[in-house]
Amino acid sequence: MSDKTNKTNFAKTVWETLSTVNVNNHTEKKQNLTYLSWAWAWGELMKYYPGSTYEILPDVSLSDGSVECWVELTVSDGERSIARKMWLPVMDFRNQAVTNPNSVAINKTRMRCLAKAIAMFGLGHYIYAGEDLPSEEDNTQQAPKPAPKQQPVQQEKPVCPDEKITENINSWKESIQAGKIKPDDIINKISTQFTLTNEQLATIRGLAQ
């Protein structure tokens, strides 16, 4: 069996072992990101692979004054081992890159980077899901807003013909006096088709007197 195959098999074994560990009770939420306690993550790694080691690599200073911390983690089990590198920018409480960070901020970032490196082997990897998605502040091109729905144009209703009032006024009066209908009921029904003038409204309401 080749050395490459051995490493692949070992990497698979490590992933299957660490990815099943529930880390939910050992995380902290900061803004929109979730962090795994590096001390707990390292202790958990030691339970399964006590021969593992890590190395703090030189920090990378960028042109804008921000700094990236790098860590290389080697997971070992006897003669089998596999190494992976991880990086993490020094960020403030808003999860924005810090310009010219001090030693305390750099030290904290290094250990968080270690926790993230451990996640690359499976431990708590799922808490980083979505971290690589762009935030709203990073979206320079805003999606076009949907056009507002146009309200249907309501056509003006014609004025109710006086003949309609005249030919129905006696039957309406009888129905009102019998308590079968009210003037407002008549007005509402007519208003679905026509516009009533003030004089017509007064006439219909006067039927109740």
Protein backbone atom coordinates (compact mmCIF):
# COMPACT_ATOMS: atom_id res chain seq x y z
CA MET A 1 0.00 0.00 0.00
CA SER A 2 1.44 3.40 -1.01
CA ASP A 3 2.18 6.22 1.40
CA LYS A 4 -0.49 8.34 -0.29
CA THR A 5 -3.10 5.63 0.22
CA ASN A 6 -2.10 5.27 3.88
CA LYS A 7 -2.55 9.01 4.44
CA THR A 8 -5.91 8.99 2.69
CA ASN A 9 -7.16 6.11 4.80
CA PHE A 10 -5.88 7.73 7.99
CA ALA A 11 -7.50 11.06 7.06
CA LYS A 12 -10.78 9.25 6.54
CA THR A 13 -10.47 7.51 9.88
CA VAL A 14 -9.74 10.79 11.67
CA TRP A 15 -12.70 12.50 10.00
CA GLU A 16 -15.12 9.70 10.80
CA THR A 17 -13.95 9.74 14.42
CA LEU A 18 -14.00 13.48 15.12
CA SER A 19 -16.96 14.54 12.99
CA THR A 20 -19.36 12.50 15.14
CA VAL A 21 -18.49 14.46 18.31
CA ASN A 22 -21.24 16.90 19.42
CA VAL A 23 -19.66 20.28 20.18
CA ASN A 24 -22.84 22.32 20.68
CA ASN A 25 -22.34 22.80 24.42
CA HIS A 26 -18.83 24.18 23.94
CA THR A 27 -19.42 27.04 21.51
CA GLU A 28 -19.90 30.77 21.87
CA LYS A 29 -21.80 33.08 19.55
CA LYS A 30 -20.26 36.35 18.42
CA GLN A 31 -22.26 38.47 16.00
CA ASN A 32 -23.06 36.12 13.09
CA LEU A 33 -20.21 33.68 13.77
CA THR A 34 -19.96 30.70 16.11
CA TYR A 35 -16.70 29.88 17.85
CA LEU A 36 -15.58 26.62 19.38
CA SER A 37 -13.54 26.79 22.58
CA TRP A 38 -9.99 26.03 21.51
CA ALA A 39 -9.09 24.58 24.92
CA TRP A 40 -11.99 22.13 24.80
CA ALA A 41 -11.30 21.27 21.14
CA TRP A 42 -7.65 20.55 21.92
CA GLY A 43 -8.58 18.44 24.93
CA GLU A 44 -11.05 16.46 22.83
CA LEU A 45 -8.43 15.93 20.12
CA MET A 46 -6.02 14.62 22.75
CA LYS A 47 -8.56 11.98 23.80
CA TYR A 48 -8.43 10.39 20.39
CA TYR A 49 -5.01 11.38 19.04
CA PRO A 50 -2.69 12.33 21.94
CA GLY A 51 0.34 12.39 19.66
CA SER A 52 -0.99 15.40 17.73
CA THR A 53 0.96 18.66 17.62
CA TYR A 54 0.51 22.14 16.24
CA GLU A 55 2.83 24.89 15.09
CA ILE A 56 2.16 28.63 15.07
CA LEU A 57 3.30 29.81 11.64
CA PRO A 58 4.49 33.37 10.91
CA ASP A 59 1.69 35.91 10.81
CA VAL A 60 0.92 37.52 7.46
CA SER A 61 0.65 41.32 7.42
CA LEU A 62 -1.50 42.67 4.61
CA SER A 63 -1.27 46.00 2.79
CA ASP A 64 -4.25 47.47 4.65
CA GLY A 65 -2.62 46.89 8.03
CA SER A 66 -4.67 43.82 8.91
CA VAL A 67 -3.05 40.57 9.99
CA GLU A 68 -3.70 36.90 9.25
CA CYS A 69 -2.67 34.25 11.76
CA TRP A 70 -1.61 30.83 10.47
CA VAL A 71 -1.45 27.47 12.22
CA GLU A 72 -0.33 24.05 11.06
CA LEU A 73 -1.90 21.11 12.85
CA THR A 74 -0.53 17.58 12.63
CA VAL A 75 -2.84 14.81 13.80
CA SER A 76 -0.89 11.67 14.68
CA ASP A 77 -1.61 8.12 15.72
CA GLY A 78 1.56 6.10 16.10
CA GLU A 79 3.47 6.28 12.85
CA ARG A 80 0.48 7.61 10.94
CA SER A 81 0.03 11.37 10.66
CA ILE A 82 -1.54 14.03 8.51
CA ALA A 83 -1.00 17.81 8.57
CA ARG A 84 -3.20 20.69 7.51
CA LYS A 85 -2.83 24.46 7.63
CA MET A 86 -5.43 27.03 8.57
CA TRP A 87 -5.53 30.83 8.68
CA LEU A 88 -7.75 33.41 10.36
CA PRO A 89 -7.72 37.23 10.28
CA VAL A 90 -7.52 39.21 13.50
CA MET A 91 -11.05 40.61 13.95
CA ASP A 92 -12.86 42.99 16.27
CA PHE A 93 -16.18 42.42 18.05
CA ARG A 94 -18.02 43.15 14.78
CA ASN A 95 -16.03 40.44 13.01
CA GLN A 96 -14.24 43.05 10.93
CA ALA A 97 -10.50 42.92 10.26
CA VAL A 98 -8.43 44.91 12.79
CA THR A 99 -5.77 47.33 11.60
CA ASN A 100 -2.44 47.04 13.42
CA PRO A 101 -3.72 44.56 16.07
CA ASN A 102 -1.94 44.27 19.40
CA SER A 103 -0.36 41.12 20.79
CA VAL A 104 -3.42 40.15 22.84
CA ALA A 105 -5.68 40.18 19.78
CA ILE A 106 -3.11 38.23 17.79
CA ASN A 107 -2.73 35.60 20.53
CA LYS A 108 -6.51 35.08 20.77
CA THR A 109 -6.76 34.77 17.00
CA ARG A 110 -4.00 32.17 16.90
CA MET A 111 -5.87 29.94 19.33
CA ARG A 112 -9.14 30.41 17.49
CA CYS A 113 -7.27 29.50 14.35
CA LEU A 114 -6.13 26.33 16.07
CA ALA A 115 -9.75 25.44 16.85
CA LYS A 116 -10.60 26.02 13.21
CA ALA A 117 -7.68 23.86 12.13
CA ILE A 118 -9.01 21.07 14.36
CA ALA A 119 -12.39 21.50 12.66
CA MET A 120 -10.70 20.77 9.33
CA PHE A 121 -10.23 17.25 10.64
CA GLY A 122 -13.93 16.95 11.53
CA LEU A 123 -14.33 18.19 15.12
CA GLY A 124 -17.08 20.84 15.07
CA HIS A 125 -16.76 21.40 11.34
CA TYR A 126 -20.51 21.98 11.00
CA ILE A 127 -20.49 25.16 13.10
CA TYR A 128 -18.55 26.91 10.34
CA ALA A 129 -21.19 26.14 7.72
CA GLY A 130 -22.18 29.36 5.97
CA GLU A 131 -19.20 31.35 7.25
CA ASP A 132 -17.86 31.64 3.72
CA LEU A 133 -21.10 33.15 2.42
CA PRO A 134 -20.98 36.89 1.63
CA SER A 135 -22.50 39.19 4.21
CA GLU A 136 -24.90 41.97 3.32
CA GLU A 137 -22.10 44.51 3.69
CA ASP A 138 -19.98 42.60 1.15
CA ASN A 139 -22.65 42.66 -1.53
CA THR A 140 -21.64 45.52 -3.80
CA GLN A 141 -24.35 44.73 -6.29
CA GLN A 142 -27.74 44.93 -4.76
CA ALA A 143 -30.39 42.70 -6.23
CA PRO A 144 -33.00 44.80 -8.06
CA LYS A 145 -36.04 45.46 -5.98
CA PRO A 146 -39.22 44.01 -7.41
CA ALA A 147 -41.40 46.57 -9.10
CA PRO A 148 -44.32 47.62 -6.93
CA LYS A 149 -47.57 46.01 -7.87
CA GLN A 150 -49.77 48.39 -9.78
CA GLN A 151 -53.15 48.86 -8.28
CA PRO A 152 -55.95 48.20 -10.74
CA VAL A 153 -57.47 51.40 -12.03
CA GLN A 154 -60.98 51.70 -10.77
CA GLN A 155 -63.32 53.12 -13.36
CA GLU A 156 -65.75 55.73 -12.16
CA LYS A 157 -69.27 54.40 -11.78
CA PRO A 158 -72.06 56.13 -13.67
CA VAL A 159 -74.63 58.17 -11.80
CA CYS A 160 -77.73 56.22 -10.96
CA PRO A 161 -80.60 57.16 -13.28
CA ASP A 162 -83.49 58.92 -11.53
CA GLU A 163 -85.87 56.53 -13.28
CA LYS A 164 -84.40 53.62 -11.27
CA ILE A 165 -85.18 55.41 -8.04
CA THR A 166 -88.67 56.38 -9.17
CA GLU A 167 -89.74 52.94 -10.38
CA ASN A 168 -88.58 51.18 -7.19
CA ILE A 169 -89.37 53.75 -4.52
CA ASN A 170 -92.80 52.36 -3.60
CA SER A 171 -91.63 48.75 -3.22
CA TRP A 172 -88.61 49.89 -1.24
CA LYS A 173 -90.87 51.89 1.10
CA GLU A 174 -93.14 48.91 1.71
CA SER A 175 -90.18 46.63 2.45
CA ILE A 176 -88.67 49.18 4.83
CA GLN A 177 -91.93 49.68 6.72
CA ALA A 178 -92.35 45.89 6.94
CA GLY A 179 -88.88 45.66 8.51
CA LYS A 180 -87.54 43.48 5.68
CA ILE A 181 -84.85 45.91 4.60
CA LYS A 182 -83.10 49.10 5.65
CA PRO A 183 -82.29 52.20 3.57
CA ASP A 184 -78.56 51.52 3.88
CA ASP A 185 -79.10 48.04 2.42
CA ILE A 186 -80.65 49.62 -0.66
CA ILE A 187 -77.91 52.20 -0.91
CA ASN A 188 -75.16 49.56 -0.65
CA LYS A 189 -76.76 47.42 -3.33
CA ILE A 190 -77.17 50.30 -5.78
CA SER A 191 -73.65 51.55 -5.06
CA THR A 192 -72.16 48.36 -6.50
CA GLN A 193 -73.27 49.58 -9.95
CA PHE A 194 -73.96 53.29 -9.72
CA THR A 195 -72.96 56.47 -7.95
CA LEU A 196 -75.79 58.00 -5.95
CA THR A 197 -76.21 61.74 -5.80
CA ASN A 198 -76.80 63.49 -2.48
CA GLU A 199 -80.40 64.07 -3.48
CA GLN A 200 -80.91 60.36 -4.27
CA LEU A 201 -79.33 59.35 -0.98
CA ALA A 202 -81.64 61.71 0.91
CA THR A 203 -84.64 60.30 -0.91
CA ILE A 204 -83.81 56.69 -0.05
CA ARG A 205 -83.02 57.47 3.58
CA GLY A 206 -86.28 59.45 3.84
CA LEU A 207 -88.23 56.26 3.15
CA ALA A 208 -87.67 55.20 6.74
CA GLN A 209 -89.55 58.21 8.12
